Amino acid sequence: MTHDLLTTLRPLLAAEASAEGHASGAEPGDLEQAVWLRLLERLDADAPPADPPDWLRRAVRSEARRSRRTARHETPYASHGGDPADDRRPGPEQQALTAARHRALHAAVRRLPGRCPGLMAALLSPRDLTYREIAGELGISQGSLGPERSRCLACLRRLLAAEVAGRERRG
């Protein structure tokens, strides 16, 4: 009985889903699948439709309406800041690595001798200070800022090179 009903309804469902799908902008295959599921759920509950062709037409229209409502509430990825698989933005791993490098750099800057920690912290500041502002903050002349910066950078390079070389395996 059930197999005969499904075999009889198959062409009608395909035609109805195709017509409603194209009219509503829904995918006909999705409509078909949803209606088959509804019909099988009814048959499992021992509540077969009294008039299967009429029930099938109403079920297809109902699924098409549901599909239209769902499509209205969906928003494309572009409205949420782009494609989530966009490779141009750094992923969580890259962000974590960048943050770790920044922490290591700032820790190394704090270990520099003399006025270097203050000077390098001012140069790395997110406020993007000018040489005049940095010289004013540190109480040194603007003309000595360049040579002092060069000495501090050389010291920082040596410090970081020693740390990197110390972590590598030898031999």
N, C-alpha and C. Protein backbone atom coordinates (compact mmCIF):
# COMPACT_ATOMS: atom_id res chain seq x y z
N MET A 1 0.83 -1.19 0.00
CA MET A 1 0.00 0.00 0.00
C MET A 1 0.88 1.26 0.00
N THR A 2 1.82 1.37 0.97
CA THR A 2 2.66 2.55 1.08
C THR A 2 3.54 2.70 -0.15
N HIS A 3 4.13 1.60 -0.59
CA HIS A 3 5.00 1.66 -1.77
C HIS A 3 4.22 2.10 -3.01
N ASP A 4 3.01 1.58 -3.17
CA ASP A 4 2.16 1.98 -4.31
C ASP A 4 1.83 3.47 -4.25
N LEU A 5 1.54 3.97 -3.05
CA LEU A 5 1.20 5.38 -2.88
C LEU A 5 2.40 6.26 -3.26
N LEU A 6 3.58 5.89 -2.79
CA LEU A 6 4.79 6.67 -3.10
C LEU A 6 5.10 6.64 -4.59
N THR A 7 4.95 5.49 -5.20
CA THR A 7 5.20 5.36 -6.63
C THR A 7 4.21 6.19 -7.44
N THR A 8 2.95 6.21 -7.01
CA THR A 8 1.92 6.98 -7.70
C THR A 8 2.15 8.48 -7.56
N LEU A 9 2.59 8.92 -6.37
CA LEU A 9 2.76 10.35 -6.12
C LEU A 9 4.06 10.94 -6.66
N ARG A 10 5.04 10.10 -6.97
CA ARG A 10 6.35 10.59 -7.40
C ARG A 10 6.27 11.57 -8.58
N PRO A 11 5.60 11.24 -9.70
CA PRO A 11 5.56 12.19 -10.82
C PRO A 11 4.79 13.48 -10.48
N LEU A 12 3.71 13.34 -9.71
CA LEU A 12 2.94 14.52 -9.33
C LEU A 12 3.79 15.44 -8.45
N LEU A 13 4.52 14.86 -7.49
CA LEU A 13 5.36 15.65 -6.60
C LEU A 13 6.47 16.35 -7.39
N ALA A 14 7.08 15.65 -8.33
CA ALA A 14 8.15 16.25 -9.14
C ALA A 14 7.61 17.45 -9.92
N ALA A 15 6.42 17.29 -10.51
CA ALA A 15 5.83 18.37 -11.30
C ALA A 15 5.44 19.55 -10.41
N GLU A 16 4.80 19.29 -9.28
CA GLU A 16 4.39 20.35 -8.37
C GLU A 16 5.61 21.09 -7.81
N ALA A 17 6.62 20.34 -7.39
CA ALA A 17 7.82 20.96 -6.81
C ALA A 17 8.54 21.80 -7.85
N SER A 18 8.58 21.33 -9.07
CA SER A 18 9.24 22.09 -10.14
C SER A 18 8.49 23.39 -10.41
N ALA A 19 7.17 23.32 -10.50
CA ALA A 19 6.37 24.52 -10.77
C ALA A 19 6.47 25.51 -9.61
N GLU A 20 6.28 25.05 -8.39
CA GLU A 20 6.34 25.94 -7.23
C GLU A 20 7.75 26.46 -6.99
N GLY A 21 8.73 25.60 -7.22
CA GLY A 21 10.11 26.00 -7.01
C GLY A 21 10.52 27.15 -7.92
N HIS A 22 10.20 27.02 -9.19
CA HIS A 22 10.55 28.08 -10.13
C HIS A 22 9.75 29.35 -9.86
N ALA A 23 8.51 29.21 -9.43
CA ALA A 23 7.67 30.37 -9.16
C ALA A 23 8.12 31.10 -7.89
N SER A 24 8.59 30.36 -6.90
CA SER A 24 8.94 30.99 -5.62
C SER A 24 10.43 31.25 -5.47
N GLY A 25 11.23 30.77 -6.39
CA GLY A 25 12.67 30.95 -6.28
C GLY A 25 13.32 29.90 -5.42
N ALA A 26 12.57 28.90 -5.00
CA ALA A 26 13.12 27.82 -4.18
C ALA A 26 13.69 26.74 -5.09
N GLU A 27 14.53 25.93 -4.54
CA GLU A 27 15.12 24.82 -5.28
C GLU A 27 14.09 23.69 -5.33
N PRO A 28 13.67 23.24 -6.53
CA PRO A 28 12.65 22.19 -6.62
C PRO A 28 13.04 20.91 -5.87
N GLY A 29 14.29 20.54 -5.92
CA GLY A 29 14.74 19.33 -5.22
C GLY A 29 14.57 19.45 -3.71
N ASP A 30 14.80 20.67 -3.18
CA ASP A 30 14.62 20.88 -1.74
C ASP A 30 13.15 20.77 -1.35
N LEU A 31 12.28 21.32 -2.19
CA LEU A 31 10.84 21.21 -1.92
C LEU A 31 10.40 19.75 -1.94
N GLU A 32 10.87 19.03 -2.94
CA GLU A 32 10.51 17.62 -3.05
C GLU A 32 10.93 16.86 -1.80
N GLN A 33 12.16 17.08 -1.40
CA GLN A 33 12.70 16.37 -0.25
C GLN A 33 11.90 16.70 1.02
N ALA A 34 11.56 17.96 1.22
CA ALA A 34 10.80 18.36 2.41
C ALA A 34 9.41 17.72 2.41
N VAL A 35 8.77 17.66 1.25
CA VAL A 35 7.42 17.06 1.18
C VAL A 35 7.49 15.56 1.39
N TRP A 36 8.50 14.89 0.82
CA TRP A 36 8.65 13.45 1.05
C TRP A 36 8.80 13.19 2.55
N LEU A 37 9.58 14.03 3.22
CA LEU A 37 9.79 13.86 4.65
C LEU A 37 8.48 14.01 5.42
N ARG A 38 7.72 15.05 5.06
CA ARG A 38 6.41 15.25 5.73
C ARG A 38 5.49 14.05 5.50
N LEU A 39 5.47 13.55 4.27
CA LEU A 39 4.60 12.42 3.94
C LEU A 39 5.03 11.17 4.71
N LEU A 40 6.33 10.90 4.75
CA LEU A 40 6.80 9.71 5.47
C LEU A 40 6.53 9.82 6.97
N GLU A 41 6.64 11.03 7.52
CA GLU A 41 6.32 11.22 8.93
C GLU A 41 4.84 10.92 9.20
N ARG A 42 3.98 11.33 8.27
CA ARG A 42 2.54 11.04 8.43
C ARG A 42 2.28 9.55 8.32
N LEU A 43 2.95 8.90 7.37
CA LEU A 43 2.74 7.46 7.19
C LEU A 43 3.25 6.68 8.40
N ASP A 44 4.37 7.13 9.01
CA ASP A 44 4.90 6.47 10.22
C ASP A 44 3.93 6.62 11.38
N ALA A 45 3.22 7.73 11.42
CA ALA A 45 2.26 7.97 12.51
C ALA A 45 0.91 7.33 12.22
N ASP A 46 0.85 6.52 11.17
CA ASP A 46 -0.39 5.86 10.75
C ASP A 46 -1.51 6.86 10.51
N ALA A 47 -1.16 8.00 9.88
CA ALA A 47 -2.15 9.02 9.56
C ALA A 47 -1.99 9.42 8.09
N PRO A 48 -2.22 8.46 7.17
CA PRO A 48 -2.06 8.80 5.76
C PRO A 48 -3.10 9.85 5.36
N PRO A 49 -2.75 10.72 4.42
CA PRO A 49 -3.71 11.74 3.99
C PRO A 49 -4.93 11.09 3.32
N ALA A 50 -6.10 11.69 3.56
CA ALA A 50 -7.33 11.16 2.98
C ALA A 50 -7.31 11.30 1.46
N ASP A 51 -6.89 12.44 0.97
CA ASP A 51 -6.79 12.70 -0.46
C ASP A 51 -5.32 13.01 -0.78
N PRO A 52 -4.50 11.98 -1.06
CA PRO A 52 -3.06 12.18 -1.22
C PRO A 52 -2.68 13.23 -2.27
N PRO A 53 -3.28 13.26 -3.48
CA PRO A 53 -2.86 14.29 -4.45
C PRO A 53 -3.14 15.72 -3.95
N ASP A 54 -4.30 15.92 -3.32
CA ASP A 54 -4.62 17.25 -2.80
C ASP A 54 -3.68 17.62 -1.65
N TRP A 55 -3.43 16.66 -0.76
CA TRP A 55 -2.52 16.90 0.35
C TRP A 55 -1.13 17.26 -0.18
N LEU A 56 -0.71 16.56 -1.20
CA LEU A 56 0.61 16.79 -1.78
C LEU A 56 0.72 18.20 -2.36
N ARG A 57 -0.28 18.66 -3.07
CA ARG A 57 -0.26 20.02 -3.63
C ARG A 57 -0.17 21.06 -2.52
N ARG A 58 -0.98 20.88 -1.47
CA ARG A 58 -0.95 21.84 -0.36
C ARG A 58 0.39 21.80 0.37
N ALA A 59 0.96 20.60 0.53
CA ALA A 59 2.24 20.48 1.22
C ALA A 59 3.36 21.15 0.43
N VAL A 60 3.33 21.02 -0.89
CA VAL A 60 4.36 21.67 -1.73
C VAL A 60 4.23 23.19 -1.61
N ARG A 61 3.01 23.70 -1.67
CA ARG A 61 2.82 25.16 -1.54
C ARG A 61 3.26 25.65 -0.16
N SER A 62 2.95 24.88 0.85
CA SER A 62 3.34 25.23 2.22
C SER A 62 4.87 25.27 2.35
N GLU A 63 5.54 24.29 1.79
CA GLU A 63 7.01 24.27 1.85
C GLU A 63 7.61 25.42 1.04
N ALA A 64 6.98 25.78 -0.06
CA ALA A 64 7.47 26.91 -0.87
C ALA A 64 7.33 28.21 -0.07
N ARG A 65 6.20 28.38 0.63
CA ARG A 65 6.03 29.57 1.48
C ARG A 65 7.07 29.61 2.59
N ARG A 66 7.31 28.46 3.20
CA ARG A 66 8.31 28.38 4.27
C ARG A 66 9.70 28.73 3.72
N SER A 67 9.98 28.27 2.53
CA SER A 67 11.27 28.57 1.90
C SER A 67 11.41 30.07 1.64
N ARG A 68 10.34 30.72 1.17
CA ARG A 68 10.38 32.16 0.93
C ARG A 68 10.59 32.93 2.22
N ARG A 69 9.88 32.53 3.29
CA ARG A 69 10.04 33.20 4.59
C ARG A 69 11.47 33.07 5.10
N THR A 70 12.02 31.88 4.97
CA THR A 70 13.39 31.65 5.43
C THR A 70 14.37 32.49 4.63
N ALA A 71 14.17 32.56 3.32
CA ALA A 71 15.07 33.33 2.47
C ALA A 71 15.02 34.81 2.81
N ARG A 72 13.86 35.32 3.22
CA ARG A 72 13.74 36.73 3.59
C ARG A 72 14.56 37.06 4.82
N HIS A 73 14.68 36.10 5.74
CA HIS A 73 15.38 36.35 7.00
C HIS A 73 16.87 36.05 6.90
N GLU A 74 17.31 35.41 5.84
CA GLU A 74 18.74 35.12 5.68
C GLU A 74 19.45 36.35 5.15
N THR A 75 20.68 36.56 5.59
CA THR A 75 21.48 37.67 5.09
C THR A 75 22.76 37.11 4.48
N PRO A 76 23.18 37.68 3.37
CA PRO A 76 24.41 37.18 2.75
C PRO A 76 25.63 37.53 3.59
N TYR A 77 26.71 36.80 3.41
CA TYR A 77 27.93 37.03 4.16
C TYR A 77 28.47 38.44 3.95
N ALA A 78 28.26 39.01 2.78
CA ALA A 78 28.81 40.33 2.47
C ALA A 78 28.34 41.38 3.47
N SER A 79 27.12 41.25 3.98
CA SER A 79 26.62 42.24 4.93
C SER A 79 27.21 42.05 6.33
N HIS A 80 27.92 40.95 6.55
CA HIS A 80 28.54 40.70 7.85
C HIS A 80 30.06 40.86 7.79
N GLY A 81 30.56 41.62 6.85
CA GLY A 81 31.99 41.88 6.81
C GLY A 81 32.75 41.00 5.86
N GLY A 82 32.11 40.38 4.93
CA GLY A 82 32.82 39.61 3.92
C GLY A 82 32.72 38.11 4.14
N ASP A 83 33.37 37.42 3.24
CA ASP A 83 33.38 35.97 3.25
C ASP A 83 34.19 35.47 4.45
N PRO A 84 33.64 34.53 5.23
CA PRO A 84 34.38 34.06 6.39
C PRO A 84 35.67 33.34 6.01
N ALA A 85 35.78 32.88 4.79
CA ALA A 85 36.99 32.18 4.36
C ALA A 85 37.95 33.13 3.65
N ASP A 86 37.78 34.43 3.86
CA ASP A 86 38.64 35.43 3.23
C ASP A 86 40.05 35.30 3.80
N ASP A 87 41.02 34.97 2.93
CA ASP A 87 42.39 34.74 3.37
C ASP A 87 43.15 36.02 3.65
N ARG A 88 42.62 37.17 3.29
CA ARG A 88 43.35 38.41 3.48
C ARG A 88 43.35 38.85 4.94
N ARG A 89 42.36 38.44 5.70
CA ARG A 89 42.32 38.80 7.11
C ARG A 89 43.08 37.75 7.91
N PRO A 90 43.86 38.17 8.93
CA PRO A 90 44.58 37.17 9.72
C PRO A 90 43.61 36.32 10.54
N GLY A 91 43.89 35.03 10.57
CA GLY A 91 43.06 34.12 11.34
C GLY A 91 43.47 34.13 12.80
N PRO A 92 42.79 33.37 13.63
CA PRO A 92 43.08 33.35 15.06
C PRO A 92 44.52 32.91 15.36
N GLU A 93 45.03 31.94 14.58
CA GLU A 93 46.40 31.48 14.82
C GLU A 93 47.39 32.60 14.55
N GLN A 94 47.19 33.31 13.44
CA GLN A 94 48.08 34.41 13.08
C GLN A 94 47.99 35.53 14.11
N GLN A 95 46.80 35.82 14.59
CA GLN A 95 46.64 36.85 15.61
C GLN A 95 47.35 36.48 16.90
N ALA A 96 47.27 35.19 17.28
CA ALA A 96 47.94 34.73 18.50
C ALA A 96 49.46 34.83 18.34
N LEU A 97 49.98 34.44 17.18
CA LEU A 97 51.42 34.53 16.94
C LEU A 97 51.89 35.98 16.95
N THR A 98 51.13 36.87 16.34
CA THR A 98 51.49 38.29 16.31
C THR A 98 51.50 38.86 17.72
N ALA A 99 50.50 38.52 18.52
CA ALA A 99 50.44 39.01 19.90
C ALA A 99 51.64 38.48 20.70
N ALA A 100 52.01 37.22 20.48
CA ALA A 100 53.16 36.66 21.19
C ALA A 100 54.44 37.37 20.80
N ARG A 101 54.60 37.69 19.51
CA ARG A 101 55.79 38.43 19.06
C ARG A 101 55.83 39.83 19.69
N HIS A 102 54.69 40.48 19.77
CA HIS A 102 54.63 41.81 20.38
C HIS A 102 55.01 41.74 21.86
N ARG A 103 54.49 40.73 22.56
CA ARG A 103 54.83 40.58 23.99
C ARG A 103 56.33 40.34 24.16
N ALA A 104 56.91 39.49 23.29
CA ALA A 104 58.34 39.20 23.38
C ALA A 104 59.16 40.45 23.09
N LEU A 105 58.76 41.24 22.11
CA LEU A 105 59.47 42.47 21.77
C LEU A 105 59.42 43.45 22.93
N HIS A 106 58.24 43.65 23.51
CA HIS A 106 58.10 44.60 24.61
C HIS A 106 58.86 44.12 25.86
N ALA A 107 58.90 42.80 26.07
CA ALA A 107 59.69 42.27 27.20
C ALA A 107 61.17 42.53 26.98
N ALA A 108 61.65 42.35 25.74
CA ALA A 108 63.06 42.62 25.42
C ALA A 108 63.36 44.10 25.57
N VAL A 109 62.45 44.97 25.16
CA VAL A 109 62.64 46.42 25.28
C VAL A 109 62.80 46.80 26.75
N ARG A 110 62.02 46.18 27.63
CA ARG A 110 62.12 46.50 29.07
C ARG A 110 63.46 46.09 29.67
N ARG A 111 64.17 45.13 29.04
CA ARG A 111 65.46 44.68 29.56
C ARG A 111 66.64 45.49 29.01
N LEU A 112 66.37 46.44 28.12
CA LEU A 112 67.46 47.25 27.56
C LEU A 112 68.06 48.15 28.64
N PRO A 113 69.33 48.55 28.48
CA PRO A 113 69.98 49.40 29.49
C PRO A 113 69.67 50.89 29.29
N GLY A 114 69.91 51.68 30.33
CA GLY A 114 69.84 53.14 30.28
C GLY A 114 68.48 53.69 29.89
N ARG A 115 68.53 54.68 28.98
CA ARG A 115 67.29 55.35 28.53
C ARG A 115 66.58 54.58 27.42
N CYS A 116 67.17 53.48 26.97
CA CYS A 116 66.61 52.74 25.83
C CYS A 116 65.18 52.24 26.06
N PRO A 117 64.84 51.70 27.24
CA PRO A 117 63.45 51.23 27.40
C PRO A 117 62.43 52.34 27.19
N GLY A 118 62.69 53.53 27.73
CA GLY A 118 61.75 54.64 27.56
C GLY A 118 61.68 55.10 26.12
N LEU A 119 62.84 55.20 25.46
CA LEU A 119 62.87 55.64 24.07
C LEU A 119 62.17 54.64 23.15
N MET A 120 62.48 53.36 23.29
CA MET A 120 61.87 52.35 22.43
C MET A 120 60.36 52.22 22.71
N ALA A 121 59.96 52.34 23.96
CA ALA A 121 58.53 52.30 24.29
C ALA A 121 57.81 53.47 23.63
N ALA A 122 58.46 54.65 23.63
CA ALA A 122 57.84 55.81 22.98
C ALA A 122 57.75 55.61 21.47
N LEU A 123 58.78 55.01 20.87
CA LEU A 123 58.76 54.76 19.43
C LEU A 123 57.73 53.71 19.05
N LEU A 124 57.51 52.74 19.93
CA LEU A 124 56.53 51.67 19.66
C LEU A 124 55.12 52.05 20.09
N SER A 125 54.95 53.21 20.67
CA SER A 125 53.66 53.62 21.21
C SER A 125 52.59 53.68 20.12
N PRO A 126 51.38 53.23 20.43
CA PRO A 126 50.29 53.32 19.43
C PRO A 126 49.85 54.77 19.21
N ARG A 127 50.32 55.69 20.05
CA ARG A 127 49.95 57.10 19.87
C ARG A 127 50.69 57.73 18.70
N ASP A 128 51.73 57.07 18.16
CA ASP A 128 52.49 57.54 17.00
C ASP A 128 53.04 58.94 17.25
N LEU A 129 53.88 59.04 18.28
CA LEU A 129 54.45 60.32 18.69
C LEU A 129 55.48 60.83 17.69
N THR A 130 55.61 62.14 17.58
CA THR A 130 56.65 62.75 16.74
C THR A 130 57.96 62.78 17.53
N TYR A 131 59.08 63.03 16.83
CA TYR A 131 60.38 63.13 17.51
C TYR A 131 60.35 64.25 18.55
N ARG A 132 59.69 65.34 18.23
CA ARG A 132 59.61 66.47 19.17
C ARG A 132 58.88 66.04 20.45
N GLU A 133 57.77 65.31 20.30
CA GLU A 133 57.01 64.86 21.47
C GLU A 133 57.82 63.84 22.29
N ILE A 134 58.53 62.94 21.60
CA ILE A 134 59.34 61.95 22.30
C ILE A 134 60.46 62.64 23.07
N ALA A 135 61.14 63.57 22.41
CA ALA A 135 62.23 64.30 23.07
C ALA A 135 61.71 65.06 24.29
N GLY A 136 60.54 65.66 24.19
CA GLY A 136 59.94 66.37 25.31
C GLY A 136 59.61 65.44 26.46
N GLU A 137 59.04 64.25 26.15
CA GLU A 137 58.69 63.28 27.18
C GLU A 137 59.92 62.74 27.91
N LEU A 138 61.00 62.50 27.14
CA LEU A 138 62.20 61.90 27.73
C LEU A 138 63.17 62.94 28.29
N GLY A 139 62.96 64.22 27.98
CA GLY A 139 63.83 65.28 28.49
C GLY A 139 65.19 65.30 27.82
N ILE A 140 65.25 64.95 26.54
CA ILE A 140 66.50 64.99 25.80
C ILE A 140 66.31 65.86 24.57
N SER A 141 67.42 66.30 23.98
CA SER A 141 67.30 67.16 22.79
C SER A 141 66.84 66.33 21.59
N GLN A 142 66.12 67.01 20.72
CA GLN A 142 65.59 66.33 19.52
C GLN A 142 66.74 65.86 18.63
N GLY A 143 67.85 66.59 18.61
CA GLY A 143 69.00 66.22 17.78
C GLY A 143 69.69 64.95 18.24
N SER A 144 69.65 64.66 19.53
CA SER A 144 70.31 63.44 20.04
C SER A 144 69.40 62.22 19.95
N LEU A 145 68.18 62.44 19.56
CA LEU A 145 67.21 61.34 19.51
C LEU A 145 67.58 60.31 18.44
N GLY A 146 68.01 60.75 17.26
CA GLY A 146 68.38 59.83 16.18
C GLY A 146 69.53 58.92 16.55
N PRO A 147 70.68 59.48 17.01
CA PRO A 147 71.79 58.61 17.40
C PRO A 147 71.44 57.69 18.57
N GLU A 148 70.67 58.21 19.52
CA GLU A 148 70.26 57.39 20.67
C GLU A 148 69.38 56.23 20.20
N ARG A 149 68.49 56.52 19.28
CA ARG A 149 67.63 55.48 18.71
C ARG A 149 68.46 54.41 18.02
N SER A 150 69.46 54.82 17.25
CA SER A 150 70.33 53.85 16.56
C SER A 150 71.05 52.96 17.56
N ARG A 151 71.59 53.52 18.65
CA ARG A 151 72.28 52.72 19.67
C ARG A 151 71.30 51.74 20.33
N CYS A 152 70.09 52.21 20.62
CA CYS A 152 69.09 51.35 21.28
C CYS A 152 68.66 50.21 20.36
N LEU A 153 68.49 50.51 19.08
CA LEU A 153 68.10 49.46 18.12
C LEU A 153 69.21 48.43 17.98
N ALA A 154 70.46 48.88 17.95
CA ALA A 154 71.58 47.93 17.85
C ALA A 154 71.62 47.04 19.09
N CYS A 155 71.41 47.63 20.24
CA CYS A 155 71.39 46.87 21.49
C CYS A 155 70.23 45.86 21.48
N LEU A 156 69.07 46.29 21.00
CA LEU A 156 67.90 45.41 20.92
C LEU A 156 68.17 44.26 19.95
N ARG A 157 68.81 44.55 18.82
CA ARG A 157 69.15 43.49 17.85
C ARG A 157 70.06 42.45 18.49
N ARG A 158 71.08 42.90 19.21
CA ARG A 158 72.00 41.96 19.87
C ARG A 158 71.26 41.12 20.90
N LEU A 159 70.39 41.77 21.67
CA LEU A 159 69.64 41.06 22.70
C LEU A 159 68.74 39.99 22.09
N LEU A 160 68.02 40.36 21.05
CA LEU A 160 67.10 39.40 20.40
C LEU A 160 67.87 38.31 19.67
N ALA A 161 68.99 38.64 19.05
CA ALA A 161 69.79 37.64 18.35
C ALA A 161 70.32 36.61 19.34
N ALA A 162 70.74 37.07 20.52
CA ALA A 162 71.23 36.14 21.54
C ALA A 162 70.11 35.23 22.03
N GLU A 163 68.90 35.76 22.17
CA GLU A 163 67.76 34.93 22.61
C GLU A 163 67.40 33.90 21.57
N VAL A 164 67.38 34.29 20.31
CA VAL A 164 67.01 33.35 19.25
C VAL A 164 68.09 32.29 19.10
N ALA A 165 69.36 32.69 19.16
CA ALA A 165 70.45 31.73 19.03
C ALA A 165 70.48 30.81 20.24
N GLY A 166 70.12 31.31 21.41
CA GLY A 166 70.12 30.48 22.61
C GLY A 166 69.06 29.40 22.59
N ARG A 167 67.97 29.62 21.86
CA ARG A 167 66.88 28.63 21.81
C ARG A 167 67.09 27.56 20.75
N GLU A 168 67.95 27.83 19.78
CA GLU A 168 68.15 26.85 18.71
C GLU A 168 68.99 25.69 19.20
N ARG A 169 68.74 24.51 18.66
CA ARG A 169 69.53 23.33 19.00
C ARG A 169 70.83 23.38 18.24
N ARG A 170 71.85 22.94 18.85
CA ARG A 170 73.16 22.95 18.21
C ARG A 170 73.57 21.53 17.90
N GLY A 171 74.43 21.43 16.86
CA GLY A 171 75.12 20.22 16.58
C GLY A 171 74.44 19.19 15.85
